[in-house]
C-alpha atoms as a PDB file:
ATOM      1  CA  UNK A   1     -25.880  50.337  99.266  1.00  0.00           C
ATOM      2  CA  UNK A   2     -27.433  52.997 101.402  1.00  0.00           C
ATOM      3  CA  UNK A   3     -27.993  56.433  99.958  1.00  0.00           C
ATOM      4  CA  UNK A   4     -27.439  59.400 102.232  1.00  0.00           C
ATOM      5  CA  UNK A   5     -30.076  62.112 102.419  1.00  0.00           C
ATOM      6  CA  UNK A   6     -29.589  65.623 103.806  1.00  0.00           C
ATOM      7  CA  UNK A   7     -26.696  64.851 106.134  1.00  0.00           C
ATOM      8  CA  UNK A   8     -24.722  67.985 106.990  1.00  0.00           C
ATOM      9  CA  UNK A   9     -21.866  65.964 108.501  1.00  0.00           C
ATOM     10  CA  UNK A  10     -21.694  63.879 105.334  1.00  0.00           C
ATOM     11  CA  UNK A  11     -21.515  66.943 103.082  1.00  0.00           C
ATOM     12  CA  UNK A  12     -18.759  68.472 105.205  1.00  0.00           C
ATOM     13  CA  UNK A  13     -16.783  65.260 105.162  1.00  0.00           C
ATOM     14  CA  UNK A  14     -17.011  64.886 101.386  1.00  0.00           C
ATOM     15  CA  UNK A  15     -15.967  68.510 101.073  1.00  0.00           C
ATOM     16  CA  UNK A  16     -12.583  67.581 102.527  1.00  0.00           C
ATOM     17  CA  UNK A  17     -11.953  65.164  99.648  1.00  0.00           C
ATOM     18  CA  UNK A  18     -10.142  67.083  96.914  1.00  0.00           C
ATOM     19  CA  UNK A  19     -10.099  65.854  93.320  1.00  0.00           C
ATOM     20  CA  UNK A  20      -6.702  65.249  91.784  1.00  0.00           C
ATOM     21  CA  UNK A  21      -5.723  68.001  89.342  1.00  0.00           C
ATOM     22  CA  UNK A  22      -4.381  66.029  86.360  1.00  0.00           C
ATOM     23  CA  UNK A  23      -3.325  69.157  84.455  1.00  0.00           C
ATOM     24  CA  UNK A  24       0.281  68.072  83.950  1.00  0.00           C
ATOM     25  CA  UNK A  25      -0.818  64.638  82.717  1.00  0.00           C
ATOM     26  CA  UNK A  26      -3.316  66.159  80.285  1.00  0.00           C
ATOM     27  CA  UNK A  27      -0.715  68.614  78.952  1.00  0.00           C
ATOM     28  CA  UNK A  28       2.366  66.395  78.603  1.00  0.00           C
ATOM     29  CA  UNK A  29       0.737  62.972  78.179  1.00  0.00           C
ATOM     30  CA  UNK A  30      -2.216  64.172  76.146  1.00  0.00           C
ATOM     31  CA  UNK A  31      -3.385  60.882  74.637  1.00  0.00           C
ATOM     32  CA  UNK A  32      -5.024  58.270  76.869  1.00  0.00           C
ATOM     33  CA  UNK A  33      -4.536  55.010  74.981  1.00  0.00           C
ATOM     34  CA  UNK A  34      -6.065  51.804  76.396  1.00  0.00           C
ATOM     35  CA  UNK A  35      -4.783  48.517  74.966  1.00  0.00           C
ATOM     36  CA  UNK A  36      -5.913  44.935  75.537  1.00  0.00           C
ATOM     37  CA  UNK A  37      -2.430  43.413  75.812  1.00  0.00           C
ATOM     38  CA  UNK A  38      -0.460  42.954  79.014  1.00  0.00           C
ATOM     39  CA  UNK A  39       2.647  44.476  77.359  1.00  0.00           C
ATOM     40  CA  UNK A  40       2.540  47.980  75.871  1.00  0.00           C
ATOM     41  CA  UNK A  41       4.382  48.588  72.605  1.00  0.00           C
ATOM     42  CA  UNK A  42       5.403  52.066  71.485  1.00  0.00           C
ATOM     43  CA  UNK A  43       8.124  53.912  69.534  1.00  0.00           C
ATOM     44  CA  UNK A  44      10.655  56.283  71.084  1.00  0.00           C
ATOM     45  CA  UNK A  45      11.833  58.901  68.617  1.00  0.00           C
ATOM     46  CA  UNK A  46      15.504  59.795  68.220  1.00  0.00           C
ATOM     47  CA  UNK A  47      16.993  62.654  66.224  1.00  0.00           C
ATOM     48  CA  UNK A  48      18.617  61.728  62.914  1.00  0.00           C
ATOM     49  CA  UNK A  49      22.381  62.168  62.641  1.00  0.00           C
ATOM     50  CA  UNK A  50      23.262  62.089  66.348  1.00  0.00           C
ATOM     51  CA  UNK A  51      24.307  59.320  68.694  1.00  0.00           C
ATOM     52  CA  UNK A  52      23.541  60.619  72.198  1.00  0.00           C
ATOM     53  CA  UNK A  53      24.444  58.903  75.443  1.00  0.00           C
ATOM     54  CA  UNK A  54      21.121  57.371  76.418  1.00  0.00           C
ATOM     55  CA  UNK A  55      19.784  55.926  79.601  1.00  0.00           C
ATOM     56  CA  UNK A  56      19.060  52.274  78.979  1.00  0.00           C
ATOM     57  CA  UNK A  57      15.970  50.101  78.621  1.00  0.00           C
ATOM     58  CA  UNK A  58      18.245  47.068  78.798  1.00  0.00           C
ATOM     59  CA  UNK A  59      16.989  45.684  82.096  1.00  0.00           C
ATOM     60  CA  UNK A  60      13.350  46.597  81.730  1.00  0.00           C
ATOM     61  CA  UNK A  61      12.095  45.984  78.213  1.00  0.00           C
ATOM     62  CA  UNK A  62      12.474  44.335  74.841  1.00  0.00           C
ATOM     63  CA  UNK A  63      13.879  46.930  72.411  1.00  0.00           C
ATOM     64  CA  UNK A  64      14.175  46.735  68.611  1.00  0.00           C
ATOM     65  CA  UNK A  65      15.906  49.600  66.761  1.00  0.00           C
ATOM     66  CA  UNK A  66      14.635  50.446  63.283  1.00  0.00           C
ATOM     67  CA  UNK A  67      14.475  53.570  61.107  1.00  0.00           C
ATOM     68  CA  UNK A  68      15.827  55.876  63.815  1.00  0.00           C
ATOM     69  CA  UNK A  69      13.355  54.656  66.428  1.00  0.00           C
ATOM     70  CA  UNK A  70      13.432  52.163  69.256  1.00  0.00           C
ATOM     71  CA  UNK A  71      10.332  49.985  69.432  1.00  0.00           C
ATOM     72  CA  UNK A  72       9.782  49.115  73.074  1.00  0.00           C
ATOM     73  CA  UNK A  73       7.602  46.546  74.809  1.00  0.00           C
ATOM     74  CA  UNK A  74       7.051  46.997  78.513  1.00  0.00           C
ATOM     75  CA  UNK A  75       4.462  46.237  81.176  1.00  0.00           C
ATOM     76  CA  UNK A  76       2.481  49.107  82.737  1.00  0.00           C
ATOM     77  CA  UNK A  77       2.308  49.967  86.433  1.00  0.00           C
ATOM     78  CA  UNK A  78      -0.571  47.996  87.958  1.00  0.00           C
ATOM     79  CA  UNK A  79      -2.895  49.500  90.549  1.00  0.00           C
ATOM     80  CA  UNK A  80      -5.131  46.779  91.966  1.00  0.00           C
ATOM     81  CA  UNK A  81      -7.074  47.917  95.019  1.00  0.00           C
ATOM     82  CA  UNK A  82     -10.221  46.808  96.800  1.00  0.00           C
ATOM     83  CA  UNK A  83     -12.518  47.671  99.676  1.00  0.00           C
ATOM     84  CA  UNK A  84     -14.863  45.287 101.484  1.00  0.00           C
ATOM     85  CA  UNK A  85     -18.603  45.827 101.829  1.00  0.00           C
ATOM     86  CA  UNK A  86     -18.125  45.770 105.602  1.00  0.00           C
ATOM     87  CA  UNK A  87     -15.754  48.734 105.361  1.00  0.00           C
ATOM     88  CA  UNK A  88     -18.175  50.552 103.065  1.00  0.00           C
ATOM     89  CA  UNK A  89     -21.061  49.997 105.471  1.00  0.00           C
ATOM     90  CA  UNK A  90     -18.933  51.085 108.420  1.00  0.00           C
ATOM     91  CA  UNK A  91     -18.179  54.308 106.555  1.00  0.00           C
ATOM     92  CA  UNK A  92     -21.912  54.829 105.976  1.00  0.00           C
ATOM     93  CA  UNK A  93     -22.625  54.327 109.680  1.00  0.00           C
ATOM     94  CA  UNK A  94     -20.400  57.313 110.495  1.00  0.00           C
ATOM     95  CA  UNK A  95     -23.012  59.506 108.857  1.00  0.00           C
ATOM     96  CA  UNK A  96     -25.969  58.098 110.742  1.00  0.00           C
ATOM     97  CA  UNK A  97     -27.253  55.740 108.072  1.00  0.00           C
ATOM     98  CA  UNK A  98     -27.569  51.988 108.139  1.00  0.00           C
ATOM     99  CA  UNK A  99     -27.277  49.752 105.099  1.00  0.00           C
ATOM    100  CA  UNK A 100     -31.038  49.941 104.556  1.00  0.00           C
ATOM    101  CA  UNK A 101     -31.218  53.740 104.397  1.00  0.00           C
ATOM    102  CA  UNK A 102     -32.749  55.473 101.447  1.00  0.00           C
ATOM    103  CA  UNK A 103     -32.667  58.855  99.752  1.00  0.00           C
ATOM    104  CA  UNK A 104     -30.954  60.554  96.842  1.00  0.00           C
ATOM    105  CA  UNK A 105     -27.531  62.197  96.887  1.00  0.00           C
ATOM    106  CA  UNK A 106     -25.176  63.747  94.389  1.00  0.00           C
ATOM    107  CA  UNK A 107     -23.607  61.048  92.181  1.00  0.00           C
ATOM    108  CA  UNK A 108     -20.057  61.960  93.163  1.00  0.00           C
ATOM    109  CA  UNK A 109     -20.902  61.823  96.875  1.00  0.00           C
ATOM    110  CA  UNK A 110     -22.520  58.449  96.432  1.00  0.00           C
ATOM    111  CA  UNK A 111     -19.445  57.184  94.579  1.00  0.00           C
ATOM    112  CA  UNK A 112     -17.197  58.376  97.378  1.00  0.00           C
ATOM    113  CA  UNK A 113     -19.317  56.652  99.989  1.00  0.00           C
ATOM    114  CA  UNK A 114     -19.606  53.331  98.212  1.00  0.00           C
ATOM    115  CA  UNK A 115     -15.839  53.127  97.940  1.00  0.00           C
ATOM    116  CA  UNK A 116     -15.431  53.324  94.164  1.00  0.00           C
ATOM    117  CA  UNK A 117     -14.653  57.038  94.196  1.00  0.00           C
ATOM    118  CA  UNK A 118     -12.116  56.620  96.972  1.00  0.00           C
ATOM    119  CA  UNK A 119     -10.314  53.864  95.073  1.00  0.00           C
ATOM    120  CA  UNK A 120     -10.425  55.944  91.885  1.00  0.00           C
ATOM    121  CA  UNK A 121      -8.853  58.958  93.594  1.00  0.00           C
ATOM    122  CA  UNK A 122      -6.098  56.731  94.980  1.00  0.00           C
ATOM    123  CA  UNK A 123      -5.320  55.533  91.451  1.00  0.00           C
ATOM    124  CA  UNK A 124      -5.262  59.108  90.111  1.00  0.00           C
ATOM    125  CA  UNK A 125      -2.804  60.079  92.850  1.00  0.00           C
ATOM    126  CA  UNK A 126      -0.574  57.157  91.886  1.00  0.00           C
ATOM    127  CA  UNK A 127      -0.742  57.992  88.177  1.00  0.00           C
ATOM    128  CA  UNK A 128       0.169  61.636  88.727  1.00  0.00           C
ATOM    129  CA  UNK A 129       2.968  60.666  91.116  1.00  0.00           C
ATOM    130  CA  UNK A 130       4.645  58.340  88.603  1.00  0.00           C
ATOM    131  CA  UNK A 131       4.165  60.921  85.825  1.00  0.00           C
ATOM    132  CA  UNK A 132       6.240  63.447  87.776  1.00  0.00           C
ATOM    133  CA  UNK A 133       8.750  60.751  88.727  1.00  0.00           C
ATOM    134  CA  UNK A 134       9.250  60.016  85.018  1.00  0.00           C
ATOM    135  CA  UNK A 135       9.578  63.712  84.146  1.00  0.00           C
ATOM    136  CA  UNK A 136      12.176  64.482  86.830  1.00  0.00           C
ATOM    137  CA  UNK A 137      14.247  61.278  87.013  1.00  0.00           C
ATOM    138  CA  UNK A 138      13.435  59.729  83.599  1.00  0.00           C
ATOM    139  CA  UNK A 139      12.450  56.513  85.333  1.00  0.00           C
ATOM    140  CA  UNK A 140       9.703  54.897  87.413  1.00  0.00           C
ATOM    141  CA  UNK A 141      11.313  53.095  90.322  1.00  0.00           C
ATOM    142  CA  UNK A 142      10.254  49.451  90.698  1.00  0.00           C
ATOM    143  CA  UNK A 143       7.547  49.968  88.108  1.00  0.00           C
ATOM    144  CA  UNK A 144       8.178  46.819  86.096  1.00  0.00           C
ATOM    145  CA  UNK A 145       7.808  43.182  87.088  1.00  0.00           C
ATOM    146  CA  UNK A 146      10.331  41.351  84.897  1.00  0.00           C
ATOM    147  CA  UNK A 147      12.165  38.040  84.817  1.00  0.00           C
ATOM    148  CA  UNK A 148      14.537  39.207  87.536  1.00  0.00           C
ATOM    149  CA  UNK A 149      11.835  40.524  89.833  1.00  0.00           C
ATOM    150  CA  UNK A 150      10.858  44.159  90.343  1.00  0.00           C
ATOM    151  CA  UNK A 151      12.894  46.538  88.175  1.00  0.00           C
ATOM    152  CA  UNK A 152      12.954  50.217  87.306  1.00  0.00           C
ATOM    153  CA  UNK A 153      11.344  51.493  84.112  1.00  0.00           C
ATOM    154  CA  UNK A 154      14.139  53.677  82.693  1.00  0.00           C
ATOM    155  CA  UNK A 155      13.205  55.869  79.731  1.00  0.00           C
ATOM    156  CA  UNK A 156      15.831  56.414  77.001  1.00  0.00           C
ATOM    157  CA  UNK A 157      16.315  60.150  77.485  1.00  0.00           C
ATOM    158  CA  UNK A 158      19.916  61.352  76.889  1.00  0.00           C
ATOM    159  CA  UNK A 159      21.872  61.173  80.139  1.00  0.00           C
ATOM    160  CA  UNK A 160      23.136  64.708  79.477  1.00  0.00           C
ATOM    161  CA  UNK A 161      19.555  65.998  79.697  1.00  0.00           C
ATOM    162  CA  UNK A 162      19.553  65.665  83.487  1.00  0.00           C
ATOM    163  CA  UNK A 163      21.447  68.373  85.372  1.00  0.00           C
ATOM    164  CA  UNK A 164      21.991  69.044  89.077  1.00  0.00           C
ATOM    165  CA  UNK A 165      23.325  72.507  89.901  1.00  0.00           C
ATOM    166  CA  UNK A 166      26.457  72.149  92.079  1.00  0.00           C
ATOM    167  CA  UNK A 167      26.241  75.488  93.879  1.00  0.00           C
ATOM    168  CA  UNK A 168      29.732  76.423  92.710  1.00  0.00           C
ATOM    169  CA  UNK A 169      29.944  76.518  88.902  1.00  0.00           C
ATOM    170  CA  UNK A 170      26.204  77.119  88.749  1.00  0.00           C
ATOM    171  CA  UNK A 171      24.748  78.777  91.841  1.00  0.00           C
ATOM    172  CA  UNK A 172      21.688  77.278  93.536  1.00  0.00           C
ATOM    173  CA  UNK A 173      18.455  79.201  93.094  1.00  0.00           C
ATOM    174  CA  UNK A 174      18.133  79.368  96.868  1.00  0.00           C
ATOM    175  CA  UNK A 175      21.269  81.570  96.817  1.00  0.00           C
ATOM    176  CA  UNK A 176      19.165  84.641  96.141  1.00  0.00           C
ATOM    177  CA  UNK A 177      22.186  86.959  95.852  1.00  0.00           C
ATOM    178  CA  UNK A 178      24.187  85.006  93.288  1.00  0.00           C
ATOM    179  CA  UNK A 179      21.697  82.713  91.496  1.00  0.00           C
ATOM    180  CA  UNK A 180      21.242  83.114  87.739  1.00  0.00           C
ATOM    181  CA  UNK A 181      18.003  81.238  86.933  1.00  0.00           C
ATOM    182  CA  UNK A 182      17.566  82.778  83.481  1.00  0.00           C
ATOM    183  CA  UNK A 183      21.105  81.776  82.487  1.00  0.00           C
ATOM    184  CA  UNK A 184      20.468  78.246  83.809  1.00  0.00           C
ATOM    185  CA  UNK A 185      17.234  78.018  81.836  1.00  0.00           C
ATOM    186  CA  UNK A 186      18.956  79.263  78.687  1.00  0.00           C
ATOM    187  CA  UNK A 187      21.731  76.667  79.108  1.00  0.00           C
ATOM    188  CA  UNK A 188      19.176  73.837  79.338  1.00  0.00           C
ATOM    189  CA  UNK A 189      17.177  75.262  76.429  1.00  0.00           C
ATOM    190  CA  UNK A 190      20.282  75.462  74.218  1.00  0.00           C
ATOM    191  CA  UNK A 191      21.297  71.890  75.094  1.00  0.00           C
ATOM    192  CA  UNK A 192      17.988  70.384  73.942  1.00  0.00           C
ATOM    193  CA  UNK A 193      17.716  69.145  70.358  1.00  0.00           C
ATOM    194  CA  UNK A 194      13.915  69.376  70.523  1.00  0.00           C
ATOM    195  CA  UNK A 195      13.307  72.826  72.000  1.00  0.00           C
ATOM    196  CA  UNK A 196      10.771  73.107  74.846  1.00  0.00           C
ATOM    197  CA  UNK A 197       7.773  75.424  74.800  1.00  0.00           C
ATOM    198  CA  UNK A 198       7.184  75.378  78.559  1.00  0.00           C
ATOM    199  CA  UNK A 199       8.823  74.544  81.869  1.00  0.00           C
ATOM    200  CA  UNK A 200       7.257  73.278  85.103  1.00  0.00           C
ATOM    201  CA  UNK A 201       8.315  73.919  88.702  1.00  0.00           C
ATOM    202  CA  UNK A 202       6.590  73.763  92.075  1.00  0.00           C
ATOM    203  CA  UNK A 203       5.594  76.784  94.144  1.00  0.00           C
ATOM    204  CA  UNK A 204       8.749  76.728  96.317  1.00  0.00           C
ATOM    205  CA  UNK A 205      11.000  76.697  93.247  1.00  0.00           C
ATOM    206  CA  UNK A 206       8.898  79.392  91.574  1.00  0.00           C
ATOM    207  CA  UNK A 207       9.245  81.595  94.668  1.00  0.00           C
ATOM    208  CA  UNK A 208      13.037  81.612  94.261  1.00  0.00           C
ATOM    209  CA  UNK A 209      12.697  82.142  90.514  1.00  0.00           C
ATOM    210  CA  UNK A 210      10.330  85.106  90.748  1.00  0.00           C
ATOM    211  CA  UNK A 211      12.366  86.735  93.544  1.00  0.00           C
ATOM    212  CA  UNK A 212      15.522  86.873  91.437  1.00  0.00           C
ATOM    213  CA  UNK A 213      16.498  90.403  90.417  1.00  0.00           C
ATOM    214  CA  UNK A 214      17.065  89.486  86.756  1.00  0.00           C
ATOM    215  CA  UNK A 215      13.731  87.756  86.324  1.00  0.00           C
ATOM    216  CA  UNK A 216      11.505  90.773  86.841  1.00  0.00           C
ATOM    217  CA  UNK A 217      13.732  93.316  85.127  1.00  0.00           C
ATOM    218  CA  UNK A 218      11.586  96.339  84.341  1.00  0.00           C
ATOM    219  CA  UNK A 219      11.253  97.729  80.827  1.00  0.00           C
ATOM    220  CA  UNK A 220      13.976 100.272  80.226  1.00  0.00           C
ATOM    221  CA  UNK A 221      14.671 100.415  76.510  1.00  0.00           C
ATOM    222  CA  UNK A 222      16.735 103.608  76.771  1.00  0.00           C
ATOM    223  CA  UNK A 223      19.258 101.662  78.863  1.00  0.00           C
ATOM    224  CA  UNK A 224      19.129  98.720  76.497  1.00  0.00           C
ATOM    225  CA  UNK A 225      17.246  96.487  78.915  1.00  0.00           C
ATOM    226  CA  UNK A 226      14.273  94.331  78.082  1.00  0.00           C
ATOM    227  CA  UNK A 227      11.718  92.729  80.334  1.00  0.00           C
ATOM    228  CA  UNK A 228      12.647  89.077  80.868  1.00  0.00           C
ATOM    229  CA  UNK A 229       9.498  87.619  82.445  1.00  0.00           C
ATOM    230  CA  UNK A 230       5.871  88.527  81.801  1.00  0.00           C
ATOM    231  CA  UNK A 231       3.659  87.542  84.714  1.00  0.00           C
ATOM    232  CA  UNK A 232       0.270  86.038  83.936  1.00  0.00           C
ATOM    233  CA  UNK A 233      -2.067  88.468  85.654  1.00  0.00           C
ATOM    234  CA  UNK A 234      -5.102  86.230  85.137  1.00  0.00           C
ATOM    235  CA  UNK A 235      -3.943  83.378  87.361  1.00  0.00           C
ATOM    236  CA  UNK A 236      -6.749  81.408  89.003  1.00  0.00           C
ATOM    237  CA  UNK A 237      -5.516  80.986  92.563  1.00  0.00           C
ATOM    238  CA  UNK A 238      -7.691  77.917  93.117  1.00  0.00           C
ATOM    239  CA  UNK A 239      -5.836  75.853  90.523  1.00  0.00           C
ATOM    240  CA  UNK A 240      -3.129  73.417  91.514  1.00  0.00           C
ATOM    241  CA  UNK A 241      -1.468  73.494  88.075  1.00  0.00           C
ATOM    242  CA  UNK A 242      -1.416  76.861  86.329  1.00  0.00           C
ATOM    243  CA  UNK A 243       0.470  79.041  83.861  1.00  0.00           C
ATOM    244  CA  UNK A 244       2.400  81.637  85.861  1.00  0.00           C
ATOM    245  CA  UNK A 245       3.834  83.637  82.952  1.00  0.00           C
ATOM    246  CA  UNK A 246       6.235  83.660  79.996  1.00  0.00           C
ATOM    247  CA  UNK A 247      10.023  83.988  79.827  1.00  0.00           C
ATOM    248  CA  UNK A 248      11.401  86.008  76.914  1.00  0.00           C
ATOM    249  CA  UNK A 249      15.143  86.067  77.442  1.00  0.00           C
ATOM    250  CA  UNK A 250      17.732  86.141  74.657  1.00  0.00           C
ATOM    251  CA  UNK A 251      16.743  83.193  72.393  1.00  0.00           C
ATOM    252  CA  UNK A 252      14.529  81.553  75.030  1.00  0.00           C
ATOM    253  CA  UNK A 253      10.738  81.857  74.788  1.00  0.00           C
ATOM    254  CA  UNK A 254       8.948  79.469  77.167  1.00  0.00           C
ATOM    255  CA  UNK A 255       5.842  79.469  79.339  1.00  0.00           C
ATOM    256  CA  UNK A 256       6.261  78.811  83.060  1.00  0.00           C
ATOM    257  CA  UNK A 257       3.809  76.440  84.775  1.00  0.00           C
ATOM    258  CA  UNK A 258       3.547  75.918  88.526  1.00  0.00           C
ATOM    259  CA  UNK A 259       2.461  72.704  90.252  1.00  0.00           C
ATOM    260  CA  UNK A 260       0.981  73.148  93.730  1.00  0.00           C
ATOM    261  CA  UNK A 261      -0.579  69.722  94.196  1.00  0.00           C
ATOM    262  CA  UNK A 262       0.089  67.539  97.242  1.00  0.00           C
ATOM    263  CA  UNK A 263      -1.019  64.077  98.367  1.00  0.00           C
ATOM    264  CA  UNK A 264      -0.849  61.930 101.496  1.00  0.00           C
ATOM    265  CA  UNK A 265       1.271  58.787 101.520  1.00  0.00           C
ATOM    266  CA  UNK A 266       0.427  55.554 103.353  1.00  0.00           C
ATOM    267  CA  UNK A 267       1.695  56.980 106.648  1.00  0.00           C
ATOM    268  CA  UNK A 268      -0.536  60.046 106.319  1.00  0.00           C
ATOM    269  CA  UNK A 269       2.385  62.380 105.634  1.00  0.00           C
ATOM    270  CA  UNK A 270       1.786  65.170 103.120  1.00  0.00           C
ATOM    271  CA  UNK A 271       4.044  64.962 100.050  1.00  0.00           C
ATOM    272  CA  UNK A 272       4.505  67.129  96.967  1.00  0.00           C
ATOM    273  CA  UNK A 273       3.928  65.587  93.529  1.00  0.00           C
ATOM    274  CA  UNK A 274       6.790  67.697  92.144  1.00  0.00           C
ATOM    275  CA  UNK A 275       9.723  67.945  94.537  1.00  0.00           C
ATOM    276  CA  UNK A 276      11.408  71.217  95.478  1.00  0.00           C
ATOM    277  CA  UNK A 277      14.091  72.469  93.120  1.00  0.00           C
ATOM    278  CA  UNK A 278      13.126  70.498  90.018  1.00  0.00           C
ATOM    279  CA  UNK A 279      12.513  72.297  86.736  1.00  0.00           C
ATOM    280  CA  UNK A 280      11.038  70.217  83.897  1.00  0.00           C
ATOM    281  CA  UNK A 281      11.496  71.232  80.252  1.00  0.00           C
ATOM    282  CA  UNK A 282       9.269  69.766  77.524  1.00  0.00           C
ATOM    283  CA  UNK A 283       6.433  70.243  74.998  1.00  0.00           C
ATOM    284  CA  UNK A 284       2.756  69.341  75.012  1.00  0.00           C
ATOM    285  CA  UNK A 285       2.235  65.849  73.643  1.00  0.00           C
ATOM    286  CA  UNK A 286       5.853  64.697  73.987  1.00  0.00           C
ATOM    287  CA  UNK A 287       4.499  61.725  75.911  1.00  0.00           C
ATOM    288  CA  UNK A 288       1.500  59.432  75.889  1.00  0.00           C
ATOM    289  CA  UNK A 289      -0.442  57.803  78.709  1.00  0.00           C
ATOM    290  CA  UNK A 290      -1.034  54.134  77.950  1.00  0.00           C
ATOM    291  CA  UNK A 291      -3.334  51.821  79.901  1.00  0.00           C
ATOM    292  CA  UNK A 292      -2.455  48.142  79.691  1.00  0.00           C
ATOM    293  CA  UNK A 293      -4.991  45.345  79.431  1.00  0.00           C
ATOM    294  CA  UNK A 294      -6.724  44.521  82.721  1.00  0.00           C
ATOM    295  CA  UNK A 295      -6.913  40.757  83.392  1.00  0.00           C
ATOM    296  CA  UNK A 296     -10.346  39.439  84.426  1.00  0.00           C
ATOM    297  CA  UNK A 297     -11.100  35.867  85.394  1.00  0.00           C
ATOM    298  CA  UNK A 298     -13.801  34.059  83.461  1.00  0.00           C
ATOM    299  CA  UNK A 299     -14.913  30.491  83.087  1.00  0.00           C
ATOM    300  CA  UNK A 300     -12.165  28.565  81.356  1.00  0.00           C
ATOM    301  CA  UNK A 301      -9.422  31.183  81.701  1.00  0.00           C
ATOM    302  CA  UNK A 302      -8.604  34.884  81.793  1.00  0.00           C
ATOM    303  CA  UNK A 303      -9.419  37.696  79.365  1.00  0.00           C
ATOM    304  CA  UNK A 304      -7.843  41.135  79.152  1.00  0.00           C
ATOM    305  CA  UNK A 305     -10.153  44.155  79.261  1.00  0.00           C
ATOM    306  CA  UNK A 306      -9.250  47.182  77.132  1.00  0.00           C
ATOM    307  CA  UNK A 307     -10.191  50.047  79.447  1.00  0.00           C
ATOM    308  CA  UNK A 308      -8.726  52.941  81.437  1.00  0.00           C
ATOM    309  CA  UNK A 309     -10.071  51.357  84.606  1.00  0.00           C
ATOM    310  CA  UNK A 310     -12.382  48.535  85.602  1.00  0.00           C
ATOM    311  CA  UNK A 311     -14.542  47.965  88.680  1.00  0.00           C
ATOM    312  CA  UNK A 312     -15.982  44.643  89.863  1.00  0.00           C
ATOM    313  CA  UNK A 313     -18.158  43.575  92.760  1.00  0.00           C
ATOM    314  CA  UNK A 314     -16.731  40.244  93.912  1.00  0.00           C
ATOM    315  CA  UNK A 315     -18.691  37.728  95.990  1.00  0.00           C
ATOM    316  CA  UNK A 316     -17.016  34.708  97.585  1.00  0.00           C
ATOM    317  CA  UNK A 317     -18.489  31.806  99.564  1.00  0.00           C
ATOM    318  CA  UNK A 318     -15.481  30.492 101.459  1.00  0.00           C
ATOM    319  CA  UNK A 319     -14.735  32.695 103.216  1.00  0.00           C
ATOM    320  CA  UNK A 320     -17.921  34.711 102.660  1.00  0.00           C
ATOM    321  CA  UNK A 321     -17.002  38.170 101.437  1.00  0.00           C
ATOM    322  CA  UNK A 322     -18.374  40.974  99.309  1.00  0.00           C
ATOM    323  CA  UNK A 323     -15.962  43.597  98.078  1.00  0.00           C
ATOM    324  CA  UNK A 324     -15.456  46.228  95.391  1.00  0.00           C
ATOM    325  CA  UNK A 325     -12.312  45.732  93.279  1.00  0.00           C
ATOM    326  CA  UNK A 326     -10.766  48.558  91.247  1.00  0.00           C
ATOM    327  CA  UNK A 327      -8.070  47.917  88.643  1.00  0.00           C
ATOM    328  CA  UNK A 328      -6.072  50.157  86.323  1.00  0.00           C
ATOM    329  CA  UNK A 329      -2.693  49.799  84.592  1.00  0.00           C
ATOM    330  CA  UNK A 330      -1.276  53.200  83.540  1.00  0.00           C
ATOM    331  CA  UNK A 331       2.110  53.921  81.988  1.00  0.00           C
ATOM    332  CA  UNK A 332       3.160  57.522  81.283  1.00  0.00           C
ATOM    333  CA  UNK A 333       5.599  57.210  78.374  1.00  0.00           C
ATOM    334  CA  UNK A 334       8.373  59.683  77.491  1.00  0.00           C
ATOM    335  CA  UNK A 335       8.267  59.254  73.718  1.00  0.00           C
ATOM    336  CA  UNK A 336      10.210  62.155  72.183  1.00  0.00           C
ATOM    337  CA  UNK A 337      13.459  61.336  73.978  1.00  0.00           C
ATOM    338  CA  UNK A 338      15.264  64.527  73.019  1.00  0.00           C
ATOM    339  CA  UNK A 339      12.308  66.654  74.115  1.00  0.00           C
ATOM    340  CA  UNK A 340      12.820  66.275  77.867  1.00  0.00           C
ATOM    341  CA  UNK A 341      15.264  67.950  80.256  1.00  0.00           C
ATOM    342  CA  UNK A 342      15.336  67.805  84.062  1.00  0.00           C
ATOM    343  CA  UNK A 343      17.178  70.373  86.162  1.00  0.00           C
ATOM    344  CA  UNK A 344      17.604  70.265  89.975  1.00  0.00           C
ATOM    345  CA  UNK A 345      18.160  73.873  91.003  1.00  0.00           C
ATOM    346  CA  UNK A 346      18.559  73.587  94.799  1.00  0.00           C
END
């Protein structure tokens, strides 16, 4: 593969490629656990002494209940993508180099040009997207290939832990005159059996939150008022996922995180990882990120590779083709069932 040397156009082009900020994945799904099996097995914790109304794994997994836990077996979401050598070389030609060029470039730039980096970024986008889908809807739509075809992965979070404000009983946050975001947050906090230490919202939702008159109540102890939200004054504006401040309201003490990240779908349209209006309640480490075994052909059969991702260069004779193949099989798991709450505020 050609290496690009001192190409201004190349440097500018690579500069437009933004790494995926995996902050939410690192915080909520802290453990990256690769396994060699095609099915992932894990425990989902319940709280002793209660029988909540759960969403069901019935159509998507084998579940065995024992000692207050459900042991679940389920397949991960498979990302299997490739790029041909012809496409890689065509990309190199855009920067004035042929396949026999030489030189030395930054390792990340080289990875982007040879296609591996591009495929890797695509997989990171997909992983982050399904992580937020799980956190807001408690499911990954069409994430599981079962006996009956493609099915949803539905995590066993109590059905009562998902709330949509109706605009009447509980005013929408976009109703800046009548909204009561702190009361809504307290209601969700009180309903959770495993109390959250932080909440997550996107920048549009945070804008309504921070604009509310009760959120930034000034200190006025003589009038019996206390400050309800302490803004983080050391925010790094370049971050896509950051801690915006801390709520201290009645019995609620939680950090507020903001997700600004966006991605482009297959049509080229810009989409938000975390949709407008959603507020996620949870704790660090309430989930895990599993990576299922990656099947690789070998003489006499197939073996599963235990890895977060795997890259192959595949050569075929009929038809003649040379391509780079990238495979990964992530599954963000909501493990502490009672430790998640999703609220749609507008």
